Amino acid sequence: MICAGRHGPWALVAGGSEGVGAAFAERLAEAGINLLLVARNALRLEAAATALRAAHAVEVRTLSLDLAHEDMLASISAATDGLEIGTLVYNAGAAGGPVPLVDQPIGEALANIRLNVVGQTLLSQHFARGMVARGRGAIILVGSLGAIAGCKNLSVYAGVKSFTQTFGEGLWAELAPQGINVAVLMIGRTRTPKLEQVELHANSGVPAAEPEDVVDYALSHLDQGPVLVPPEHMQGFIAMRGMPRRKAVELMTRSLEPQTRYRMD
């Protein structure tokens, strides 16, 4: 389990204003860890920070910022100057909706890559250097079971989430011997505002996990990285990784149909 004494007094939660990121912020605050919440929407950020300050005896700062922006690292470096960031939670979602790559604006595709590949690489390197110097810390990358196989209309998203898993595995191999926890949390269908948005409140028949439950699982199994898959998804995770790639892609495309059906022609 994460704690200030084991990991450090401050945590940065990228994407911390709602959903899984907000659940991480809540649990970290409960553990007595001060927070810097980063997200684009300033109003949602401040609402989340206000609630955390009222409920817990921790300091909560906010930074309204697009994680895909080219000056992201400079902005976060300035905001964390003088703070011992002992925990990094990178909870990046997707930029844009489901659409075939040939129809997708190139800026939207590149924003997804900057958000999920460039952003987490830059922040992991930046904060890992201090963690290595101190001999303690934790990096939690929120991935997706969508990384197991490519998916029609989500080719860029699946690709960047695949990077998250493999990148996290390599980072774990580098940092775990130095006393730093690294874990990629592979979440499945989880009840977040984004899920509500893309499924348009439709009942897909597939139950959605609660953000608090997947976060509790991640924090209680942090020492068991590099890849954390909630128990209810482990059988499918293993099965899809072992099946022929064409079958895996076809299965992934069918399983994500609620998110992509308006372009499933």
C-alpha atoms as a PDB file:
ATOM      1  CA  MET A   1       0.000   0.000   0.000  1.00  0.00           C
ATOM      2  CA  ILE A   2       1.195   3.479  -0.753  1.00  0.00           C
ATOM      3  CA  CYS A   3       2.228   5.863   2.040  1.00  0.00           C
ATOM      4  CA  ALA A   4       4.169   9.082   2.547  1.00  0.00           C
ATOM      5  CA  GLY A   5       6.897   7.348   4.529  1.00  0.00           C
ATOM      6  CA  ARG A   6       7.524   4.711   1.877  1.00  0.00           C
ATOM      7  CA  HIS A   7       7.083   6.817  -1.241  1.00  0.00           C
ATOM      8  CA  GLY A   8       7.343  10.507  -0.358  1.00  0.00           C
ATOM      9  CA  PRO A   9       5.189  13.432   0.787  1.00  0.00           C
ATOM     10  CA  TRP A  10       3.820  14.606  -2.578  1.00  0.00           C
ATOM     11  CA  ALA A  11       2.014  12.929  -5.464  1.00  0.00           C
ATOM     12  CA  LEU A  12       1.276  14.245  -8.927  1.00  0.00           C
ATOM     13  CA  VAL A  13      -1.920  12.900 -10.460  1.00  0.00           C
ATOM     14  CA  ALA A  14      -2.083  13.662 -14.172  1.00  0.00           C
ATOM     15  CA  GLY A  15      -5.720  13.469 -15.205  1.00  0.00           C
ATOM     16  CA  GLY A  16      -6.812  13.854 -11.588  1.00  0.00           C
ATOM     17  CA  SER A  17     -10.064  15.796 -11.858  1.00  0.00           C
ATOM     18  CA  GLU A  18     -12.524  12.919 -12.376  1.00  0.00           C
ATOM     19  CA  GLY A  19     -12.953   9.192 -12.846  1.00  0.00           C
ATOM     20  CA  VAL A  20     -10.021   6.917 -12.069  1.00  0.00           C
ATOM     21  CA  GLY A  21      -7.657   9.858 -11.531  1.00  0.00           C
ATOM     22  CA  ALA A  22      -9.967  11.394  -8.932  1.00  0.00           C
ATOM     23  CA  ALA A  23     -10.204   8.027  -7.165  1.00  0.00           C
ATOM     24  CA  PHE A  24      -6.406   7.839  -6.999  1.00  0.00           C
ATOM     25  CA  ALA A  25      -6.318  11.374  -5.581  1.00  0.00           C
ATOM     26  CA  GLU A  26      -8.835  10.436  -2.895  1.00  0.00           C
ATOM     27  CA  ARG A  27      -6.883   7.375  -1.783  1.00  0.00           C
ATOM     28  CA  LEU A  28      -3.573   9.224  -1.773  1.00  0.00           C
ATOM     29  CA  ALA A  29      -5.077  12.027   0.316  1.00  0.00           C
ATOM     30  CA  GLU A  30      -6.441   9.431   2.743  1.00  0.00           C
ATOM     31  CA  ALA A  31      -2.855   8.170   3.094  1.00  0.00           C
ATOM     32  CA  GLY A  32      -1.714  11.671   4.085  1.00  0.00           C
ATOM     33  CA  ILE A  33       0.018  12.494   0.812  1.00  0.00           C
ATOM     34  CA  ASN A  34      -0.121  16.047  -0.553  1.00  0.00           C
ATOM     35  CA  LEU A  35      -1.372  16.394  -4.102  1.00  0.00           C
ATOM     36  CA  LEU A  36      -0.811  18.266  -7.313  1.00  0.00           C
ATOM     37  CA  LEU A  37      -3.749  17.574  -9.613  1.00  0.00           C
ATOM     38  CA  VAL A  38      -3.249  18.205 -13.326  1.00  0.00           C
ATOM     39  CA  ALA A  39      -6.012  18.261 -15.946  1.00  0.00           C
ATOM     40  CA  ARG A  40      -7.436  20.513 -18.638  1.00  0.00           C
ATOM     41  CA  ASN A  41     -10.704  21.598 -17.031  1.00  0.00           C
ATOM     42  CA  ALA A  42      -9.960  24.230 -14.380  1.00  0.00           C
ATOM     43  CA  LEU A  43     -13.456  24.177 -12.880  1.00  0.00           C
ATOM     44  CA  ARG A  44     -13.502  20.408 -12.382  1.00  0.00           C
ATOM     45  CA  LEU A  45      -9.964  20.539 -11.005  1.00  0.00           C
ATOM     46  CA  GLU A  46     -10.801  23.140  -8.384  1.00  0.00           C
ATOM     47  CA  ALA A  47     -13.999  21.322  -7.409  1.00  0.00           C
ATOM     48  CA  ALA A  48     -12.033  18.127  -6.852  1.00  0.00           C
ATOM     49  CA  ALA A  49      -9.342  19.978  -4.899  1.00  0.00           C
ATOM     50  CA  THR A  50     -11.887  21.742  -2.691  1.00  0.00           C
ATOM     51  CA  ALA A  51     -13.526  18.438  -1.775  1.00  0.00           C
ATOM     52  CA  LEU A  52     -10.173  16.830  -0.980  1.00  0.00           C
ATOM     53  CA  ARG A  53      -9.060  19.736   1.215  1.00  0.00           C
ATOM     54  CA  ALA A  54     -12.325  19.580   3.153  1.00  0.00           C
ATOM     55  CA  ALA A  55     -12.059  15.829   3.738  1.00  0.00           C
ATOM     56  CA  HIS A  56      -8.346  15.368   4.418  1.00  0.00           C
ATOM     57  CA  ALA A  57      -5.545  17.194   6.205  1.00  0.00           C
ATOM     58  CA  VAL A  58      -3.356  17.523   3.113  1.00  0.00           C
ATOM     59  CA  GLU A  59      -2.281  20.296   0.790  1.00  0.00           C
ATOM     60  CA  VAL A  60      -3.865  20.133  -2.651  1.00  0.00           C
ATOM     61  CA  ARG A  61      -2.616  22.225  -5.564  1.00  0.00           C
ATOM     62  CA  THR A  62      -3.997  22.318  -9.091  1.00  0.00           C
ATOM     63  CA  LEU A  63      -2.580  22.989 -12.525  1.00  0.00           C
ATOM     64  CA  SER A  64      -4.891  23.427 -15.496  1.00  0.00           C
ATOM     65  CA  LEU A  65      -2.922  22.058 -18.421  1.00  0.00           C
ATOM     66  CA  ASP A  66      -3.304  20.028 -21.608  1.00  0.00           C
ATOM     67  CA  LEU A  67      -0.940  17.075 -21.190  1.00  0.00           C
ATOM     68  CA  ALA A  68      -0.548  16.898 -24.966  1.00  0.00           C
ATOM     69  CA  HIS A  69       0.807  20.451 -25.184  1.00  0.00           C
ATOM     70  CA  GLU A  70       4.421  20.782 -26.274  1.00  0.00           C
ATOM     71  CA  ASP A  71       5.273  22.919 -23.213  1.00  0.00           C
ATOM     72  CA  MET A  72       3.704  20.446 -20.777  1.00  0.00           C
ATOM     73  CA  LEU A  73       6.936  19.346 -19.123  1.00  0.00           C
ATOM     74  CA  ALA A  74       8.172  22.896 -18.570  1.00  0.00           C
ATOM     75  CA  SER A  75       4.864  23.883 -16.959  1.00  0.00           C
ATOM     76  CA  ILE A  76       4.807  20.873 -14.638  1.00  0.00           C
ATOM     77  CA  SER A  77       8.489  21.265 -13.773  1.00  0.00           C
ATOM     78  CA  ALA A  78       7.835  24.856 -12.710  1.00  0.00           C
ATOM     79  CA  ALA A  79       4.752  23.868 -10.686  1.00  0.00           C
ATOM     80  CA  THR A  80       6.659  21.154  -8.809  1.00  0.00           C
ATOM     81  CA  ASP A  81       9.832  23.126  -8.156  1.00  0.00           C
ATOM     82  CA  GLY A  82      10.827  22.489  -4.551  1.00  0.00           C
ATOM     83  CA  LEU A  83       8.341  19.631  -4.064  1.00  0.00           C
ATOM     84  CA  GLU A  84       9.405  16.055  -3.448  1.00  0.00           C
ATOM     85  CA  ILE A  85       7.161  14.205  -5.870  1.00  0.00           C
ATOM     86  CA  GLY A  86       7.367  10.651  -4.600  1.00  0.00           C
ATOM     87  CA  THR A  87       4.403   9.284  -6.543  1.00  0.00           C
ATOM     88  CA  LEU A  88       3.474   9.865 -10.171  1.00  0.00           C
ATOM     89  CA  VAL A  89       0.080   8.702 -11.379  1.00  0.00           C
ATOM     90  CA  TYR A  90      -0.308   9.125 -15.131  1.00  0.00           C
ATOM     91  CA  ASN A  91      -3.980   8.699 -15.912  1.00  0.00           C
ATOM     92  CA  ALA A  92      -4.191   9.804 -19.541  1.00  0.00           C
ATOM     93  CA  GLY A  93      -7.216   8.973 -21.621  1.00  0.00           C
ATOM     94  CA  ALA A  94      -7.755   9.364 -25.331  1.00  0.00           C
ATOM     95  CA  ALA A  95      -7.780  12.358 -27.628  1.00  0.00           C
ATOM     96  CA  GLY A  96     -10.737  12.183 -29.985  1.00  0.00           C
ATOM     97  CA  GLY A  97     -13.416   9.602 -30.577  1.00  0.00           C
ATOM     98  CA  PRO A  98     -13.603   6.327 -32.510  1.00  0.00           C
ATOM     99  CA  VAL A  99     -12.929   6.884 -36.185  1.00  0.00           C
ATOM    100  CA  PRO A 100     -10.989   5.094 -38.957  1.00  0.00           C
ATOM    101  CA  LEU A 101      -7.462   6.446 -39.242  1.00  0.00           C
ATOM    102  CA  VAL A 102      -8.004   7.542 -42.850  1.00  0.00           C
ATOM    103  CA  ASP A 103     -10.847   9.796 -41.690  1.00  0.00           C
ATOM    104  CA  GLN A 104      -9.162  11.075 -38.538  1.00  0.00           C
ATOM    105  CA  PRO A 105      -7.686  14.594 -38.494  1.00  0.00           C
ATOM    106  CA  ILE A 106      -3.934  14.156 -38.231  1.00  0.00           C
ATOM    107  CA  GLY A 107      -3.779  16.630 -35.350  1.00  0.00           C
ATOM    108  CA  GLU A 108      -6.172  14.458 -33.359  1.00  0.00           C
ATOM    109  CA  ALA A 109      -4.100  11.332 -33.965  1.00  0.00           C
ATOM    110  CA  LEU A 110      -0.879  13.105 -33.010  1.00  0.00           C
ATOM    111  CA  ALA A 111      -2.479  14.557 -29.884  1.00  0.00           C
ATOM    112  CA  ASN A 112      -3.332  11.015 -28.799  1.00  0.00           C
ATOM    113  CA  ILE A 113       0.284   9.984 -29.290  1.00  0.00           C
ATOM    114  CA  ARG A 114       1.603  13.027 -27.411  1.00  0.00           C
ATOM    115  CA  LEU A 115      -0.836  12.411 -24.575  1.00  0.00           C
ATOM    116  CA  ASN A 116      -0.257   8.697 -24.101  1.00  0.00           C
ATOM    117  CA  VAL A 117       3.294   8.186 -25.355  1.00  0.00           C
ATOM    118  CA  VAL A 118       5.271  11.426 -25.187  1.00  0.00           C
ATOM    119  CA  GLY A 119       3.643  12.792 -22.031  1.00  0.00           C
ATOM    120  CA  GLN A 120       4.090   9.765 -19.852  1.00  0.00           C
ATOM    121  CA  THR A 121       7.638   9.232 -21.107  1.00  0.00           C
ATOM    122  CA  LEU A 122       8.661  12.791 -20.272  1.00  0.00           C
ATOM    123  CA  LEU A 123       7.060  12.840 -16.831  1.00  0.00           C
ATOM    124  CA  SER A 124       8.301   9.361 -15.921  1.00  0.00           C
ATOM    125  CA  GLN A 125      11.859  10.312 -16.785  1.00  0.00           C
ATOM    126  CA  HIS A 126      11.641  13.691 -15.057  1.00  0.00           C
ATOM    127  CA  PHE A 127      10.299  12.415 -11.746  1.00  0.00           C
ATOM    128  CA  ALA A 128      12.115   9.071 -11.775  1.00  0.00           C
ATOM    129  CA  ARG A 129      15.427  10.893 -11.584  1.00  0.00           C
ATOM    130  CA  GLY A 130      14.517  12.343  -8.196  1.00  0.00           C
ATOM    131  CA  MET A 131      13.105   9.016  -7.035  1.00  0.00           C
ATOM    132  CA  VAL A 132      16.328   7.225  -7.947  1.00  0.00           C
ATOM    133  CA  ALA A 133      18.372   9.825  -6.073  1.00  0.00           C
ATOM    134  CA  ARG A 134      16.201   9.335  -2.967  1.00  0.00           C
ATOM    135  CA  GLY A 135      15.876   5.570  -3.314  1.00  0.00           C
ATOM    136  CA  ARG A 136      12.081   5.601  -3.026  1.00  0.00           C
ATOM    137  CA  GLY A 137       8.980   6.379  -5.029  1.00  0.00           C
ATOM    138  CA  ALA A 138       6.187   4.991  -7.176  1.00  0.00           C
ATOM    139  CA  ILE A 139       5.095   5.386 -10.787  1.00  0.00           C
ATOM    140  CA  ILE A 140       1.617   4.205 -11.725  1.00  0.00           C
ATOM    141  CA  LEU A 141       0.623   4.280 -15.377  1.00  0.00           C
ATOM    142  CA  VAL A 142      -3.059   3.752 -16.089  1.00  0.00           C
ATOM    143  CA  GLY A 143      -3.311   1.564 -19.155  1.00  0.00           C
ATOM    144  CA  SER A 144      -6.139  -0.285 -20.802  1.00  0.00           C
ATOM    145  CA  LEU A 145      -7.119  -3.818 -21.717  1.00  0.00           C
ATOM    146  CA  GLY A 146      -7.575  -2.288 -25.154  1.00  0.00           C
ATOM    147  CA  ALA A 147      -3.799  -2.720 -25.465  1.00  0.00           C
ATOM    148  CA  ILE A 148      -4.146  -6.487 -25.909  1.00  0.00           C
ATOM    149  CA  ALA A 149      -5.081  -6.204 -29.577  1.00  0.00           C
ATOM    150  CA  GLY A 150      -5.807  -3.655 -32.249  1.00  0.00           C
ATOM    151  CA  CYS A 151      -9.397  -2.565 -32.788  1.00  0.00           C
ATOM    152  CA  LYS A 152     -11.344  -1.189 -35.740  1.00  0.00           C
ATOM    153  CA  ASN A 153     -11.859   2.570 -35.427  1.00  0.00           C
ATOM    154  CA  LEU A 154      -9.497   2.696 -32.426  1.00  0.00           C
ATOM    155  CA  SER A 155      -6.184   1.895 -34.099  1.00  0.00           C
ATOM    156  CA  VAL A 156      -4.234   4.812 -32.613  1.00  0.00           C
ATOM    157  CA  TYR A 157      -5.763   4.381 -29.158  1.00  0.00           C
ATOM    158  CA  ALA A 158      -4.943   0.663 -29.065  1.00  0.00           C
ATOM    159  CA  GLY A 159      -1.433   1.390 -30.261  1.00  0.00           C
ATOM    160  CA  VAL A 160      -0.645   4.015 -27.639  1.00  0.00           C
ATOM    161  CA  LYS A 161      -2.079   1.863 -24.847  1.00  0.00           C
ATOM    162  CA  SER A 162       0.128  -0.986 -26.031  1.00  0.00           C
ATOM    163  CA  PHE A 163       3.070   1.388 -25.631  1.00  0.00           C
ATOM    164  CA  THR A 164       1.985   2.119 -22.051  1.00  0.00           C
ATOM    165  CA  GLN A 165       2.157  -1.537 -21.102  1.00  0.00           C
ATOM    166  CA  THR A 166       5.504  -2.284 -22.724  1.00  0.00           C
ATOM    167  CA  PHE A 167       7.038   0.994 -21.569  1.00  0.00           C
ATOM    168  CA  GLY A 168       5.913   0.320 -17.998  1.00  0.00           C
ATOM    169  CA  GLU A 169       7.392  -3.159 -18.068  1.00  0.00           C
ATOM    170  CA  GLY A 170      10.772  -1.821 -19.121  1.00  0.00           C
ATOM    171  CA  LEU A 171      10.596   0.975 -16.572  1.00  0.00           C
ATOM    172  CA  TRP A 172       9.849  -1.563 -13.844  1.00  0.00           C
ATOM    173  CA  ALA A 173      12.932  -3.581 -14.835  1.00  0.00           C
ATOM    174  CA  GLU A 174      15.061  -0.440 -14.552  1.00  0.00           C
ATOM    175  CA  LEU A 175      13.632   1.044 -11.358  1.00  0.00           C
ATOM    176  CA  ALA A 176      12.415  -1.813  -9.160  1.00  0.00           C
ATOM    177  CA  PRO A 177      15.986  -2.799  -8.166  1.00  0.00           C
ATOM    178  CA  GLN A 178      16.403   0.773  -6.903  1.00  0.00           C
ATOM    179  CA  GLY A 179      13.448   0.595  -4.529  1.00  0.00           C
ATOM    180  CA  ILE A 180      10.863   2.245  -6.771  1.00  0.00           C
ATOM    181  CA  ASN A 181       7.464   0.702  -7.427  1.00  0.00           C
ATOM    182  CA  VAL A 182       6.346   0.755 -11.060  1.00  0.00           C
ATOM    183  CA  ALA A 183       2.988  -0.603 -12.149  1.00  0.00           C
ATOM    184  CA  VAL A 184       0.774  -0.440 -15.219  1.00  0.00           C
ATOM    185  CA  LEU A 185      -2.869  -0.756 -14.216  1.00  0.00           C
ATOM    186  CA  MET A 186      -4.750  -2.410 -17.074  1.00  0.00           C
ATOM    187  CA  ILE A 187      -8.322  -1.297 -16.597  1.00  0.00           C
ATOM    188  CA  GLY A 188     -11.300  -2.608 -18.501  1.00  0.00           C
ATOM    189  CA  ARG A 189     -14.798  -1.186 -18.749  1.00  0.00           C
ATOM    190  CA  THR A 190     -14.893   1.270 -15.845  1.00  0.00           C
ATOM    191  CA  ARG A 191     -17.658   3.672 -14.838  1.00  0.00           C
ATOM    192  CA  THR A 192     -16.120   7.015 -15.749  1.00  0.00           C
ATOM    193  CA  PRO A 193     -17.503  10.179 -17.368  1.00  0.00           C
ATOM    194  CA  LYS A 194     -15.719   9.181 -20.580  1.00  0.00           C
ATOM    195  CA  LEU A 195     -17.519   5.831 -20.682  1.00  0.00           C
ATOM    196  CA  GLU A 196     -20.848   7.545 -20.208  1.00  0.00           C
ATOM    197  CA  GLN A 197     -20.001   9.906 -23.031  1.00  0.00           C
ATOM    198  CA  VAL A 198     -18.906   7.360 -25.623  1.00  0.00           C
ATOM    199  CA  GLU A 199     -21.646   4.848 -24.908  1.00  0.00           C
ATOM    200  CA  LEU A 200     -24.347   7.494 -24.795  1.00  0.00           C
ATOM    201  CA  HIS A 201     -25.836   5.867 -21.679  1.00  0.00           C
ATOM    202  CA  ALA A 202     -26.493   2.639 -23.563  1.00  0.00           C
ATOM    203  CA  ASN A 203     -26.773  -0.622 -21.665  1.00  0.00           C
ATOM    204  CA  SER A 204     -24.183  -2.880 -23.291  1.00  0.00           C
ATOM    205  CA  GLY A 205     -24.908  -5.790 -20.977  1.00  0.00           C
ATOM    206  CA  VAL A 206     -21.299  -5.751 -19.745  1.00  0.00           C
ATOM    207  CA  PRO A 207     -20.889  -4.624 -16.127  1.00  0.00           C
ATOM    208  CA  ALA A 208     -18.649  -1.652 -15.454  1.00  0.00           C
ATOM    209  CA  ALA A 209     -16.139  -1.601 -12.608  1.00  0.00           C
ATOM    210  CA  GLU A 210     -16.169   1.276 -10.144  1.00  0.00           C
ATOM    211  CA  PRO A 211     -13.112   3.582 -10.227  1.00  0.00           C
ATOM    212  CA  GLU A 212     -12.579   3.178  -6.487  1.00  0.00           C
ATOM    213  CA  ASP A 213     -12.400  -0.601  -6.832  1.00  0.00           C
ATOM    214  CA  VAL A 214      -9.761  -0.625  -9.567  1.00  0.00           C
ATOM    215  CA  VAL A 215      -7.710   1.968  -7.671  1.00  0.00           C
ATOM    216  CA  ASP A 216      -7.903  -0.020  -4.445  1.00  0.00           C
ATOM    217  CA  TYR A 217      -6.723  -3.091  -6.331  1.00  0.00           C
ATOM    218  CA  ALA A 218      -3.789  -1.200  -7.827  1.00  0.00           C
ATOM    219  CA  LEU A 219      -2.626   0.314  -4.552  1.00  0.00           C
ATOM    220  CA  SER A 220      -2.952  -2.919  -2.594  1.00  0.00           C
ATOM    221  CA  HIS A 221      -0.925  -4.810  -5.227  1.00  0.00           C
ATOM    222  CA  LEU A 222       1.619  -2.115  -6.027  1.00  0.00           C
ATOM    223  CA  ASP A 223       4.530  -4.390  -5.119  1.00  0.00           C
ATOM    224  CA  GLN A 224       3.336  -6.966  -7.658  1.00  0.00           C
ATOM    225  CA  GLY A 225       4.084  -4.963 -10.807  1.00  0.00           C
ATOM    226  CA  PRO A 226       4.907  -4.398 -13.558  1.00  0.00           C
ATOM    227  CA  VAL A 227       1.431  -5.198 -14.917  1.00  0.00           C
ATOM    228  CA  LEU A 228      -1.666  -5.275 -12.732  1.00  0.00           C
ATOM    229  CA  VAL A 229      -4.828  -6.802 -14.173  1.00  0.00           C
ATOM    230  CA  PRO A 230      -7.921  -6.909 -11.946  1.00  0.00           C
ATOM    231  CA  PRO A 231      -8.865 -10.547 -11.184  1.00  0.00           C
ATOM    232  CA  GLU A 232     -12.144 -10.391 -13.091  1.00  0.00           C
ATOM    233  CA  HIS A 233     -10.217  -9.624 -16.306  1.00  0.00           C
ATOM    234  CA  MET A 234      -7.203 -11.889 -15.867  1.00  0.00           C
ATOM    235  CA  GLN A 235      -8.605 -14.928 -17.670  1.00  0.00           C
ATOM    236  CA  GLY A 236      -9.563 -12.903 -20.730  1.00  0.00           C
ATOM    237  CA  PHE A 237      -6.238 -11.040 -20.661  1.00  0.00           C
ATOM    238  CA  ILE A 238      -4.262 -14.275 -20.759  1.00  0.00           C
ATOM    239  CA  ALA A 239      -6.518 -15.885 -23.356  1.00  0.00           C
ATOM    240  CA  MET A 240      -6.383 -12.996 -25.800  1.00  0.00           C
ATOM    241  CA  ARG A 241      -2.623 -12.663 -25.530  1.00  0.00           C
ATOM    242  CA  GLY A 242      -2.285 -16.325 -26.488  1.00  0.00           C
ATOM    243  CA  MET A 243      -4.696 -16.518 -29.413  1.00  0.00           C
ATOM    244  CA  PRO A 244      -3.852 -15.867 -33.096  1.00  0.00           C
ATOM    245  CA  ARG A 245      -3.610 -12.142 -33.766  1.00  0.00           C
ATOM    246  CA  ARG A 246      -6.417 -12.012 -36.340  1.00  0.00           C
ATOM    247  CA  LYS A 247      -8.785 -13.698 -33.915  1.00  0.00           C
ATOM    248  CA  ALA A 248      -7.729 -11.346 -31.118  1.00  0.00           C
ATOM    249  CA  VAL A 249      -8.357  -8.273 -33.286  1.00  0.00           C
ATOM    250  CA  GLU A 250     -11.771  -9.542 -34.378  1.00  0.00           C
ATOM    251  CA  LEU A 251     -12.713 -10.296 -30.773  1.00  0.00           C
ATOM    252  CA  MET A 252     -11.518  -6.905 -29.548  1.00  0.00           C
ATOM    253  CA  THR A 253     -13.467  -5.133 -32.292  1.00  0.00           C
ATOM    254  CA  ARG A 254     -16.671  -6.976 -31.339  1.00  0.00           C
ATOM    255  CA  SER A 255     -16.202  -6.443 -27.626  1.00  0.00           C
ATOM    256  CA  LEU A 256     -15.727  -2.685 -28.020  1.00  0.00           C
ATOM    257  CA  GLU A 257     -18.702  -2.285 -30.350  1.00  0.00           C
ATOM    258  CA  PRO A 258     -20.661  -0.167 -27.806  1.00  0.00           C
ATOM    259  CA  GLN A 259     -17.955   2.497 -28.034  1.00  0.00           C
ATOM    260  CA  THR A 260     -17.508   2.314 -31.800  1.00  0.00           C
ATOM    261  CA  ARG A 261     -20.829   1.176 -33.252  1.00  0.00           C
ATOM    262  CA  TYR A 262     -21.730   4.428 -34.945  1.00  0.00           C
ATOM    263  CA  ARG A 263     -18.721   3.855 -37.266  1.00  0.00           C
ATOM    264  CA  MET A 264     -18.977   0.038 -37.387  1.00  0.00           C
ATOM    265  CA  ASP A 265     -19.954  -0.281 -41.051  1.00  0.00           C
END
